[in-house]
Each structure stands twice: as C-alpha cells, then as structure tokens.
N, C-alpha and C. Protein backbone atom coordinates (compact mmCIF):
# COMPACT_ATOMS: atom_id res chain seq x y z
N MET A 1 113.30 88.11 163.28
CA MET A 1 112.92 88.78 164.49
C MET A 1 111.50 88.38 164.83
N VAL A 2 111.19 88.37 166.07
CA VAL A 2 109.82 88.16 166.48
C VAL A 2 109.16 89.52 166.41
N LEU A 3 108.13 89.61 165.59
CA LEU A 3 107.50 90.91 165.39
C LEU A 3 106.65 91.30 166.57
N GLY A 4 106.37 92.56 166.60
CA GLY A 4 105.72 93.24 167.69
C GLY A 4 104.54 92.54 168.30
N SER A 5 104.28 92.95 169.48
CA SER A 5 103.12 92.44 170.16
C SER A 5 102.44 93.59 170.85
N ALA A 6 101.18 93.41 171.05
CA ALA A 6 100.43 94.41 171.79
C ALA A 6 99.63 93.69 172.84
N VAL A 7 99.42 94.32 173.92
CA VAL A 7 98.45 93.79 174.84
C VAL A 7 97.15 94.36 174.35
N LEU A 8 96.32 93.48 173.92
CA LEU A 8 95.03 93.88 173.40
C LEU A 8 93.98 93.42 174.37
N VAL A 9 93.02 94.24 174.62
CA VAL A 9 91.99 93.90 175.56
C VAL A 9 90.97 93.04 174.86
N ALA A 10 90.70 91.91 175.48
CA ALA A 10 89.74 90.98 174.91
C ALA A 10 88.88 90.43 176.03
N CYS A 11 87.67 90.08 175.72
CA CYS A 11 86.82 89.41 176.68
C CYS A 11 86.69 87.97 176.27
N SER A 12 86.64 87.10 177.25
CA SER A 12 86.53 85.68 176.94
C SER A 12 85.56 85.03 177.90
N ALA A 13 85.00 83.93 177.48
CA ALA A 13 84.09 83.19 178.33
C ALA A 13 84.82 82.64 179.54
N ALA A 14 86.08 82.30 179.39
CA ALA A 14 86.85 81.72 180.48
C ALA A 14 87.02 82.70 181.64
N THR A 15 86.94 83.97 181.38
CA THR A 15 87.11 84.96 182.44
C THR A 15 85.80 85.66 182.78
N GLY A 16 84.69 85.12 182.30
CA GLY A 16 83.42 85.72 182.62
C GLY A 16 83.26 87.10 182.03
N GLY A 17 83.91 87.36 180.92
CA GLY A 17 83.78 88.65 180.26
C GLY A 17 84.75 89.69 180.76
N ALA A 18 85.62 89.34 181.69
CA ALA A 18 86.60 90.31 182.19
C ALA A 18 87.70 90.52 181.17
N ALA A 19 88.15 91.73 181.07
CA ALA A 19 89.23 92.04 180.13
C ALA A 19 90.52 91.42 180.61
N GLN A 20 91.31 90.95 179.66
CA GLN A 20 92.62 90.42 179.99
C GLN A 20 93.56 90.66 178.83
N PRO A 21 94.86 90.80 179.12
CA PRO A 21 95.79 91.04 178.02
C PRO A 21 96.02 89.77 177.22
N ALA A 22 96.26 89.94 175.95
CA ALA A 22 96.59 88.81 175.08
C ALA A 22 97.76 89.21 174.20
N ALA A 23 98.80 88.41 174.22
CA ALA A 23 99.97 88.71 173.40
C ALA A 23 99.70 88.29 171.97
N VAL A 24 100.15 89.09 171.03
CA VAL A 24 100.02 88.79 169.62
C VAL A 24 101.42 88.87 169.03
N SER A 25 101.87 87.80 168.38
CA SER A 25 103.22 87.84 167.81
C SER A 25 103.33 86.89 166.65
N ALA A 26 104.38 87.09 165.85
CA ALA A 26 104.68 86.21 164.73
C ALA A 26 106.17 86.28 164.46
N SER A 27 106.66 85.32 163.71
CA SER A 27 108.09 85.29 163.41
C SER A 27 108.36 85.83 162.02
N SER A 28 109.56 86.40 161.85
CA SER A 28 110.04 86.86 160.56
C SER A 28 111.56 86.89 160.63
N PRO A 29 112.27 87.34 159.60
CA PRO A 29 113.72 87.33 159.63
C PRO A 29 114.30 88.05 160.84
N ALA A 30 115.53 87.74 161.16
CA ALA A 30 116.18 88.27 162.36
C ALA A 30 116.22 89.79 162.37
N ASN A 31 116.13 90.35 163.57
CA ASN A 31 116.14 91.79 163.79
C ASN A 31 117.55 92.33 163.56
N SER A 32 117.66 93.46 162.93
CA SER A 32 118.96 94.08 162.69
C SER A 32 119.53 94.67 163.97
N GLY A 33 118.68 94.84 165.01
CA GLY A 33 119.13 95.42 166.26
C GLY A 33 119.10 96.93 166.27
N ALA A 34 118.92 97.56 165.12
CA ALA A 34 118.88 99.02 165.04
C ALA A 34 117.50 99.51 165.45
N PRO A 35 117.44 100.52 166.32
CA PRO A 35 116.14 101.04 166.72
C PRO A 35 115.47 101.77 165.56
N ASP A 36 114.16 101.71 165.53
CA ASP A 36 113.39 102.41 164.51
C ASP A 36 113.40 103.90 164.85
N PRO A 37 113.92 104.75 163.97
CA PRO A 37 113.99 106.18 164.28
C PRO A 37 112.63 106.84 164.39
N ALA A 38 111.57 106.22 163.88
CA ALA A 38 110.24 106.81 163.94
C ALA A 38 109.57 106.58 165.30
N VAL A 39 110.11 105.67 166.10
CA VAL A 39 109.51 105.35 167.40
C VAL A 39 110.19 106.19 168.48
N ALA A 40 109.39 106.85 169.29
CA ALA A 40 109.92 107.70 170.35
C ALA A 40 110.79 106.89 171.31
N ARG A 41 111.94 107.42 171.63
CA ARG A 41 112.85 106.79 172.59
C ARG A 41 112.43 107.17 174.01
N VAL A 42 112.77 106.30 174.95
CA VAL A 42 112.50 106.56 176.36
C VAL A 42 113.82 106.98 177.01
N ASP A 43 113.91 108.25 177.34
CA ASP A 43 115.16 108.79 177.88
C ASP A 43 115.42 108.41 179.34
N HIS A 44 114.36 108.20 180.11
CA HIS A 44 114.50 107.88 181.53
C HIS A 44 113.68 106.63 181.83
N PRO A 45 114.25 105.44 181.56
CA PRO A 45 113.51 104.19 181.76
C PRO A 45 113.05 104.01 183.21
N LEU A 46 111.92 103.34 183.36
CA LEU A 46 111.38 103.04 184.68
C LEU A 46 111.44 101.53 184.92
N ASP A 47 111.64 101.16 186.16
CA ASP A 47 111.78 99.76 186.56
C ASP A 47 110.47 99.26 187.16
N VAL A 48 109.95 98.15 186.65
CA VAL A 48 108.69 97.58 187.16
C VAL A 48 108.91 96.39 188.08
N SER A 49 110.16 95.99 188.30
CA SER A 49 110.44 94.74 189.00
C SER A 49 109.80 94.67 190.39
N ALA A 50 109.65 95.78 191.08
CA ALA A 50 109.04 95.77 192.41
C ALA A 50 107.54 95.49 192.36
N TYR A 51 106.94 95.51 191.16
CA TYR A 51 105.48 95.40 191.05
C TYR A 51 105.01 94.17 190.28
N VAL A 52 105.91 93.38 189.71
CA VAL A 52 105.46 92.23 188.92
C VAL A 52 104.75 91.19 189.78
N GLY A 53 105.07 91.11 191.06
CA GLY A 53 104.40 90.17 191.95
C GLY A 53 103.02 90.64 192.37
N ASP A 54 102.76 91.93 192.30
CA ASP A 54 101.46 92.50 192.65
C ASP A 54 101.24 93.78 191.85
N PRO A 55 100.83 93.63 190.59
CA PRO A 55 100.63 94.80 189.74
C PRO A 55 99.53 95.74 190.23
N CYS A 56 98.69 95.26 191.15
CA CYS A 56 97.63 96.13 191.68
C CYS A 56 98.20 97.29 192.48
N ARG A 57 99.41 97.16 192.96
CA ARG A 57 100.05 98.22 193.73
C ARG A 57 100.50 99.39 192.87
N THR A 58 100.40 99.27 191.55
CA THR A 58 100.85 100.37 190.68
C THR A 58 99.90 101.56 190.68
N VAL A 59 98.66 101.34 191.10
CA VAL A 59 97.67 102.43 191.10
C VAL A 59 97.18 102.65 192.54
N PRO A 60 97.47 103.79 193.12
CA PRO A 60 97.05 104.05 194.49
C PRO A 60 95.52 104.13 194.61
N PRO A 61 94.98 103.66 195.74
CA PRO A 61 93.53 103.79 195.98
C PRO A 61 93.06 105.24 195.88
N SER A 62 93.92 106.20 196.20
CA SER A 62 93.52 107.61 196.13
C SER A 62 93.24 108.07 194.71
N VAL A 63 93.76 107.34 193.72
CA VAL A 63 93.46 107.63 192.31
C VAL A 63 92.22 106.86 191.88
N LEU A 64 92.10 105.62 192.33
CA LEU A 64 90.98 104.77 191.92
C LEU A 64 89.64 105.20 192.52
N ALA A 65 89.63 105.60 193.79
CA ALA A 65 88.37 105.93 194.47
C ALA A 65 87.57 107.02 193.76
N PRO A 66 88.17 108.14 193.35
CA PRO A 66 87.37 109.16 192.65
C PRO A 66 86.82 108.67 191.31
N LEU A 67 87.43 107.61 190.76
CA LEU A 67 86.93 107.04 189.51
C LEU A 67 85.83 106.02 189.76
N GLY A 68 85.54 105.74 191.04
CA GLY A 68 84.47 104.82 191.41
C GLY A 68 84.93 103.41 191.75
N TYR A 69 86.24 103.17 191.77
CA TYR A 69 86.77 101.83 192.06
C TYR A 69 87.15 101.75 193.53
N SER A 70 86.24 101.19 194.34
CA SER A 70 86.48 101.10 195.78
C SER A 70 86.94 99.71 196.20
N SER A 71 86.69 98.71 195.40
CA SER A 71 87.10 97.34 195.73
C SER A 71 88.54 97.11 195.29
N PRO A 72 89.24 96.21 195.99
CA PRO A 72 90.62 95.91 195.58
C PRO A 72 90.66 95.31 194.18
N GLY A 73 91.77 95.53 193.51
CA GLY A 73 91.96 94.94 192.19
C GLY A 73 92.25 93.45 192.29
N GLU A 74 92.06 92.76 191.17
CA GLU A 74 92.36 91.33 191.11
C GLU A 74 93.65 91.13 190.33
N PRO A 75 94.73 90.69 191.03
CA PRO A 75 96.01 90.51 190.34
C PRO A 75 96.05 89.21 189.55
N HIS A 76 96.72 89.25 188.43
CA HIS A 76 97.00 88.07 187.60
C HIS A 76 98.51 88.09 187.40
N THR A 77 99.20 87.15 188.05
CA THR A 77 100.66 87.16 188.00
C THR A 77 101.16 85.89 187.34
N ALA A 78 102.44 85.61 187.48
CA ALA A 78 103.10 84.51 186.76
C ALA A 78 102.39 83.17 186.91
N ALA A 79 101.71 82.95 188.01
CA ALA A 79 101.04 81.67 188.23
C ALA A 79 99.78 81.52 187.37
N ALA A 80 99.25 82.61 186.86
CA ALA A 80 98.02 82.56 186.06
C ALA A 80 98.33 82.22 184.61
N ALA A 81 97.41 81.50 183.99
CA ALA A 81 97.60 81.07 182.60
C ALA A 81 97.42 82.21 181.59
N ASP A 82 96.84 83.31 182.00
CA ASP A 82 96.51 84.39 181.07
C ASP A 82 97.50 85.56 181.15
N THR A 83 98.74 85.28 181.53
CA THR A 83 99.71 86.36 181.71
C THR A 83 100.93 86.23 180.81
N SER A 84 100.78 85.68 179.61
CA SER A 84 101.94 85.52 178.73
C SER A 84 102.56 86.87 178.36
N ALA A 85 101.76 87.92 178.25
CA ALA A 85 102.30 89.24 177.93
C ALA A 85 102.94 89.89 179.16
N GLY A 86 102.52 89.46 180.34
CA GLY A 86 103.03 90.00 181.58
C GLY A 86 101.93 90.07 182.62
N PRO A 87 102.28 90.32 183.88
CA PRO A 87 101.27 90.38 184.94
C PRO A 87 100.36 91.59 184.77
N TYR A 88 99.14 91.46 185.26
CA TYR A 88 98.22 92.59 185.18
C TYR A 88 97.26 92.57 186.35
N CYS A 89 96.56 93.67 186.53
CA CYS A 89 95.57 93.80 187.58
C CYS A 89 94.31 94.41 186.98
N GLY A 90 93.17 93.91 187.40
CA GLY A 90 91.90 94.44 186.92
C GLY A 90 91.01 94.88 188.07
N TRP A 91 90.36 96.01 187.88
CA TRP A 91 89.39 96.54 188.84
C TRP A 91 88.04 96.60 188.13
N LEU A 92 86.97 96.36 188.88
CA LEU A 92 85.63 96.30 188.30
C LEU A 92 84.66 97.07 189.17
N ILE A 93 83.79 97.84 188.51
CA ILE A 93 82.65 98.43 189.19
C ILE A 93 81.47 97.57 188.77
N GLY A 94 81.10 96.64 189.62
CA GLY A 94 80.12 95.62 189.28
C GLY A 94 78.82 96.14 188.73
N ALA A 95 78.16 97.03 189.45
CA ALA A 95 76.84 97.50 189.04
C ALA A 95 76.90 98.31 187.75
N GLY A 96 77.99 99.02 187.54
CA GLY A 96 78.08 99.87 186.36
C GLY A 96 78.66 99.20 185.14
N GLY A 97 79.25 98.02 185.32
CA GLY A 97 79.87 97.33 184.19
C GLY A 97 81.15 97.98 183.70
N LEU A 98 81.72 98.86 184.51
CA LEU A 98 82.95 99.55 184.14
C LEU A 98 84.15 98.78 184.67
N SER A 99 85.24 98.82 183.93
CA SER A 99 86.46 98.18 184.42
C SER A 99 87.68 98.93 183.92
N VAL A 100 88.76 98.76 184.66
CA VAL A 100 90.06 99.29 184.27
C VAL A 100 91.09 98.22 184.57
N GLN A 101 92.09 98.15 183.73
CA GLN A 101 93.11 97.12 183.85
C GLN A 101 94.47 97.73 183.57
N VAL A 102 95.48 97.30 184.32
CA VAL A 102 96.86 97.72 184.11
C VAL A 102 97.71 96.47 183.91
N GLY A 103 98.46 96.44 182.81
CA GLY A 103 99.35 95.31 182.53
C GLY A 103 100.79 95.77 182.44
N LEU A 104 101.68 95.03 183.08
CA LEU A 104 103.12 95.29 183.00
C LEU A 104 103.67 94.28 182.01
N LEU A 105 104.00 94.70 180.81
CA LEU A 105 104.25 93.77 179.71
C LEU A 105 105.67 93.22 179.67
N THR A 106 106.08 92.68 180.79
CA THR A 106 107.42 92.10 180.91
C THR A 106 107.57 90.82 180.10
N GLY A 107 106.50 90.08 179.91
CA GLY A 107 106.57 88.86 179.09
C GLY A 107 106.92 89.17 177.66
N ASN A 108 106.33 90.24 177.13
CA ASN A 108 106.67 90.66 175.76
C ASN A 108 108.12 91.10 175.68
N ARG A 109 108.57 91.87 176.67
CA ARG A 109 109.97 92.31 176.69
C ARG A 109 110.90 91.10 176.73
N ASP A 110 110.59 90.13 177.57
CA ASP A 110 111.46 88.96 177.73
C ASP A 110 111.54 88.13 176.46
N ARG A 111 110.52 88.20 175.62
CA ARG A 111 110.53 87.49 174.34
C ARG A 111 111.11 88.34 173.21
N GLY A 112 111.56 89.54 173.52
CA GLY A 112 112.18 90.40 172.52
C GLY A 112 111.18 91.13 171.64
N ILE A 113 109.93 91.23 172.09
CA ILE A 113 108.90 91.88 171.28
C ILE A 113 108.23 93.02 172.05
N GLY A 114 108.96 93.60 173.00
CA GLY A 114 108.39 94.63 173.85
C GLY A 114 108.63 96.03 173.34
N GLY A 115 108.12 96.98 174.09
CA GLY A 115 108.31 98.39 173.80
C GLY A 115 107.38 98.90 172.71
N LEU A 116 107.42 100.20 172.52
CA LEU A 116 106.62 100.81 171.47
C LEU A 116 107.03 100.30 170.10
N SER A 117 108.32 100.02 169.91
CA SER A 117 108.76 99.51 168.60
C SER A 117 108.09 98.18 168.29
N GLY A 118 107.91 97.33 169.30
CA GLY A 118 107.20 96.07 169.09
C GLY A 118 105.77 96.28 168.66
N LEU A 119 105.12 97.29 169.22
CA LEU A 119 103.74 97.59 168.83
C LEU A 119 103.68 98.06 167.38
N TYR A 120 104.58 98.96 167.01
CA TYR A 120 104.58 99.46 165.63
C TYR A 120 104.92 98.34 164.64
N GLN A 121 105.84 97.46 165.00
CA GLN A 121 106.17 96.33 164.13
C GLN A 121 104.96 95.40 164.00
N GLY A 122 104.26 95.18 165.09
CA GLY A 122 103.05 94.36 165.04
C GLY A 122 101.98 94.98 164.17
N LYS A 123 101.84 96.29 164.23
CA LYS A 123 100.87 96.98 163.37
C LYS A 123 101.26 96.82 161.91
N ALA A 124 102.56 97.01 161.59
CA ALA A 124 103.03 96.88 160.21
C ALA A 124 102.84 95.46 159.68
N ALA A 125 102.92 94.47 160.57
CA ALA A 125 102.76 93.08 160.17
C ALA A 125 101.29 92.64 160.18
N GLY A 126 100.38 93.54 160.53
CA GLY A 126 98.96 93.19 160.55
C GLY A 126 98.53 92.45 161.80
N GLN A 127 99.36 92.44 162.83
CA GLN A 127 99.03 91.73 164.07
C GLN A 127 98.34 92.62 165.10
N VAL A 128 98.54 93.91 164.99
CA VAL A 128 97.89 94.86 165.87
C VAL A 128 96.85 95.58 165.03
N GLY A 129 95.60 95.42 165.38
CA GLY A 129 94.53 95.97 164.56
C GLY A 129 94.46 97.48 164.56
N PHE A 130 94.65 98.08 165.72
CA PHE A 130 94.53 99.54 165.84
C PHE A 130 95.69 100.07 166.66
N LEU A 131 96.33 101.11 166.16
CA LEU A 131 97.41 101.79 166.86
C LEU A 131 97.43 103.23 166.38
N ALA A 132 97.37 104.17 167.31
CA ALA A 132 97.40 105.59 166.96
C ALA A 132 98.19 106.35 168.03
N PRO A 133 98.90 107.39 167.63
CA PRO A 133 99.64 108.18 168.61
C PRO A 133 98.70 108.74 169.68
N ALA A 134 99.20 108.81 170.90
CA ALA A 134 98.46 109.38 172.02
C ALA A 134 99.33 110.46 172.65
N PRO A 135 98.73 111.37 173.40
CA PRO A 135 99.54 112.36 174.11
C PRO A 135 100.49 111.65 175.08
N ALA A 136 101.67 112.22 175.28
CA ALA A 136 102.60 111.67 176.26
C ALA A 136 101.94 111.63 177.63
N VAL A 137 102.32 110.63 178.42
CA VAL A 137 101.79 110.47 179.77
C VAL A 137 102.93 110.77 180.74
N ALA A 138 102.82 111.89 181.44
CA ALA A 138 103.84 112.30 182.41
C ALA A 138 105.24 112.27 181.78
N GLY A 139 105.32 112.68 180.52
CA GLY A 139 106.59 112.75 179.82
C GLY A 139 107.02 111.47 179.13
N TYR A 140 106.21 110.43 179.17
CA TYR A 140 106.54 109.15 178.53
C TYR A 140 105.67 108.95 177.29
N PRO A 141 106.27 108.47 176.19
CA PRO A 141 105.51 108.32 174.93
C PRO A 141 104.41 107.27 175.06
N ALA A 142 103.31 107.49 174.36
CA ALA A 142 102.16 106.60 174.48
C ALA A 142 101.45 106.44 173.14
N VAL A 143 100.72 105.34 173.02
CA VAL A 143 99.89 105.07 171.85
C VAL A 143 98.57 104.46 172.32
N TYR A 144 97.52 104.71 171.54
CA TYR A 144 96.26 104.03 171.74
C TYR A 144 96.34 102.72 170.96
N THR A 145 95.87 101.62 171.55
CA THR A 145 95.92 100.32 170.89
C THR A 145 94.63 99.55 171.12
N GLY A 146 94.44 98.53 170.31
CA GLY A 146 93.30 97.64 170.47
C GLY A 146 93.16 96.72 169.28
N LEU A 147 92.25 95.78 169.41
CA LEU A 147 91.94 94.92 168.27
C LEU A 147 91.40 95.78 167.14
N ARG A 148 90.60 96.80 167.53
CA ARG A 148 90.11 97.82 166.60
C ARG A 148 89.85 99.07 167.44
N ASP A 149 89.63 100.17 166.81
CA ASP A 149 89.41 101.42 167.53
C ASP A 149 88.00 101.42 168.11
N ARG A 150 87.89 101.27 169.42
CA ARG A 150 86.59 101.26 170.10
C ARG A 150 86.47 102.42 171.08
N ARG A 151 87.27 103.44 170.87
CA ARG A 151 87.22 104.58 171.79
C ARG A 151 85.85 105.23 171.79
N ALA A 152 85.24 105.41 170.63
CA ALA A 152 83.92 106.05 170.54
C ALA A 152 82.85 105.22 171.25
N GLN A 153 83.08 103.90 171.37
CA GLN A 153 82.14 103.03 172.06
C GLN A 153 82.44 102.93 173.56
N GLY A 154 83.45 103.66 174.05
CA GLY A 154 83.72 103.69 175.48
C GLY A 154 84.80 102.76 175.97
N ASP A 155 85.61 102.20 175.06
CA ASP A 155 86.72 101.33 175.43
C ASP A 155 88.01 101.97 174.94
N CYS A 156 88.92 102.26 175.86
CA CYS A 156 90.17 102.93 175.50
C CYS A 156 91.35 102.12 176.00
N GLY A 157 92.20 101.70 175.06
CA GLY A 157 93.45 101.01 175.39
C GLY A 157 94.60 101.97 175.18
N LEU A 158 95.48 102.08 176.17
CA LEU A 158 96.60 103.01 176.12
C LEU A 158 97.86 102.27 176.55
N ASP A 159 98.88 102.29 175.71
CA ASP A 159 100.17 101.68 176.05
C ASP A 159 101.19 102.80 176.21
N VAL A 160 101.97 102.74 177.28
CA VAL A 160 102.94 103.78 177.61
C VAL A 160 104.33 103.18 177.62
N GLY A 161 105.23 103.77 176.83
CA GLY A 161 106.62 103.30 176.78
C GLY A 161 107.39 103.79 177.99
N ILE A 162 107.87 102.83 178.82
CA ILE A 162 108.64 103.21 180.01
C ILE A 162 110.09 102.74 179.91
N ALA A 163 110.43 102.08 178.83
CA ALA A 163 111.80 101.72 178.45
C ALA A 163 111.72 101.45 176.95
N ASP A 164 112.84 101.43 176.27
CA ASP A 164 112.79 101.18 174.83
C ASP A 164 112.23 99.80 174.51
N ASP A 165 112.31 98.87 175.47
CA ASP A 165 111.82 97.51 175.25
C ASP A 165 110.66 97.13 176.17
N LEU A 166 110.00 98.12 176.78
CA LEU A 166 108.93 97.81 177.73
C LEU A 166 107.84 98.87 177.71
N VAL A 167 106.61 98.40 177.70
CA VAL A 167 105.45 99.28 177.87
C VAL A 167 104.59 98.71 179.00
N PHE A 168 103.76 99.56 179.54
CA PHE A 168 102.65 99.06 180.36
C PHE A 168 101.38 99.48 179.65
N SER A 169 100.34 98.70 179.87
CA SER A 169 99.07 98.99 179.20
C SER A 169 98.01 99.34 180.23
N VAL A 170 97.09 100.19 179.81
CA VAL A 170 95.91 100.52 180.61
C VAL A 170 94.72 100.38 179.68
N ALA A 171 93.70 99.69 180.15
CA ALA A 171 92.45 99.58 179.38
C ALA A 171 91.31 100.04 180.27
N ALA A 172 90.51 100.97 179.77
CA ALA A 172 89.30 101.43 180.46
C ALA A 172 88.13 100.99 179.59
N LEU A 173 87.24 100.19 180.16
CA LEU A 173 86.18 99.56 179.37
C LEU A 173 84.79 99.86 179.91
N GLY A 174 83.83 99.99 179.00
CA GLY A 174 82.43 100.13 179.37
C GLY A 174 81.97 101.55 179.64
N TYR A 175 82.75 102.53 179.23
CA TYR A 175 82.42 103.92 179.50
C TYR A 175 81.48 104.48 178.43
N GLN A 176 81.10 105.76 178.56
CA GLN A 176 80.12 106.37 177.67
C GLN A 176 80.67 106.78 176.31
N GLY A 177 81.95 106.88 176.17
CA GLY A 177 82.52 107.29 174.90
C GLY A 177 84.01 107.51 175.05
N GLU A 178 84.61 108.05 173.99
CA GLU A 178 86.06 108.25 173.97
C GLU A 178 86.54 109.18 175.07
N GLN A 179 85.83 110.28 175.28
CA GLN A 179 86.29 111.25 176.27
C GLN A 179 86.33 110.62 177.65
N ASP A 180 85.28 109.91 178.05
CA ASP A 180 85.25 109.28 179.37
C ASP A 180 86.29 108.18 179.50
N SER A 181 86.31 107.25 178.55
CA SER A 181 87.19 106.09 178.67
C SER A 181 88.66 106.49 178.59
N CYS A 182 89.01 107.37 177.68
CA CYS A 182 90.41 107.76 177.54
C CYS A 182 90.86 108.65 178.69
N HIS A 183 89.93 109.43 179.26
CA HIS A 183 90.28 110.21 180.45
C HIS A 183 90.66 109.27 181.60
N VAL A 184 89.87 108.22 181.79
CA VAL A 184 90.18 107.25 182.85
C VAL A 184 91.51 106.57 182.56
N ALA A 185 91.71 106.11 181.32
CA ALA A 185 92.96 105.44 180.97
C ALA A 185 94.16 106.35 181.19
N GLU A 186 94.05 107.60 180.79
CA GLU A 186 95.16 108.54 180.95
C GLU A 186 95.41 108.87 182.42
N THR A 187 94.35 108.99 183.21
CA THR A 187 94.49 109.26 184.65
C THR A 187 95.20 108.10 185.34
N VAL A 188 94.78 106.89 185.04
CA VAL A 188 95.39 105.70 185.64
C VAL A 188 96.84 105.57 185.17
N ALA A 189 97.08 105.80 183.89
CA ALA A 189 98.44 105.69 183.35
C ALA A 189 99.38 106.69 184.04
N ALA A 190 98.93 107.91 184.25
CA ALA A 190 99.76 108.91 184.93
C ALA A 190 100.07 108.46 186.36
N ALA A 191 99.10 107.82 187.01
CA ALA A 191 99.33 107.31 188.37
C ALA A 191 100.36 106.19 188.37
N VAL A 192 100.32 105.32 187.36
CA VAL A 192 101.30 104.24 187.26
C VAL A 192 102.70 104.82 187.09
N VAL A 193 102.84 105.80 186.20
CA VAL A 193 104.15 106.44 186.02
C VAL A 193 104.62 107.04 187.34
N GLY A 194 103.73 107.72 188.05
CA GLY A 194 104.10 108.30 189.34
C GLY A 194 104.57 107.25 190.33
N THR A 195 103.87 106.12 190.38
CA THR A 195 104.26 105.03 191.26
C THR A 195 105.63 104.48 190.88
N LEU A 196 105.83 104.24 189.58
CA LEU A 196 107.10 103.68 189.13
C LEU A 196 108.27 104.64 189.36
N LYS A 197 108.02 105.92 189.23
CA LYS A 197 109.08 106.90 189.50
C LYS A 197 109.50 106.87 190.96
N GLY A 198 108.54 106.55 191.83
CA GLY A 198 108.84 106.50 193.26
C GLY A 198 109.44 105.19 193.71
N ALA A 199 109.49 104.20 192.82
CA ALA A 199 109.99 102.87 193.21
C ALA A 199 111.49 102.85 193.38
C-alpha cells in the first residue's frame, strides 16, 4: 500500500517563502482494504469537484475580511508544479506577514493515500512529523498536522476529513500563538465545510 500522506505546510525559496502543500508518501506492502477502526469515519461525504479549478472559492470574502484578508487569494491548480497533493489557494496579509491556505487534497486521494487514515498511516510510518486530534469542524473529524508542532509559535495546520478518502487542509501561519493561529484555521475550515455543503 502507499502509506499516508499529509499536506504539510512548508516554505521554500521557489515560492518566496509562501506556504504550499507538499505530499509525503512511501511504499509498503499492499493495503488490505479494511478501514482502520481507530480513524473516525465520515458519515456524510462532501464533494469538492466544483472547486478544484478555483479552490479560492471555498472561503467566502465575508469570512476572510474580518480576519484581515481583503485581497483575493492566489489559486494553485493542476497547471502548477506545486499541486501534487491537490489544488490550493493562499491568502496573504502583506504588511503583517500573516497567511492562510486551503488545500483540496484530491491528488492524495487519487493516489490512494488520502483521508484521515492516510494521515495516520503516514504518522505511523514516520512520514508525518506531527499529528494530533483536533475538535470536529462542523461535524467533520479533524486533526492538527505539520512537519512538527508549531502551534505555540503561531502556525496551525488543520486537516478535515470530508470523505473516508479525502481531507482538505487549512494552514494559518505567522500568528501570535496557538490560540490565534488555530482560531483562524478553525474559522476558515468551518467556512470551507459550509461552502462544500452548499455545493
């Protein structure tokens, strides 16, 4: 089986320090196909297909504006080289150095390494550095993820299971601490769920 993957927020020189998702995966023996009973199941899957061409549409401006994001997001879709995990959108508050990003991890799903189970398998295989349970987001199971736990430093990564084989990720970066960054990530994640429910 191809073991789990996580969209981990990383900064690179190629993107001028902007956060972008990076898929992490490795191979091992074939998957038995049985779901892991320890991983929360998604009872009401959500469809992201209407948003893969423009993931910026997943978060309404009415949610972003109170958080300080007044400029349009920058979409990264199938044509971009940095979307192996799936398309994503990033918003930036230039003067403050704050950013938020939403990724629709369809690439991981298409490779058979999607969903919360893929994240837990990646953690067990040492491919996901940090993974911890998070409060459910609008009734959907969630986990905090990252290369390492940087919530106290103001960077919060949150992955939300919207199907047994699909998650979306939210990363809030550059905030004052865990409370600020995770509040933003959870607010944006709830908005994404609301958008997807309306699709």
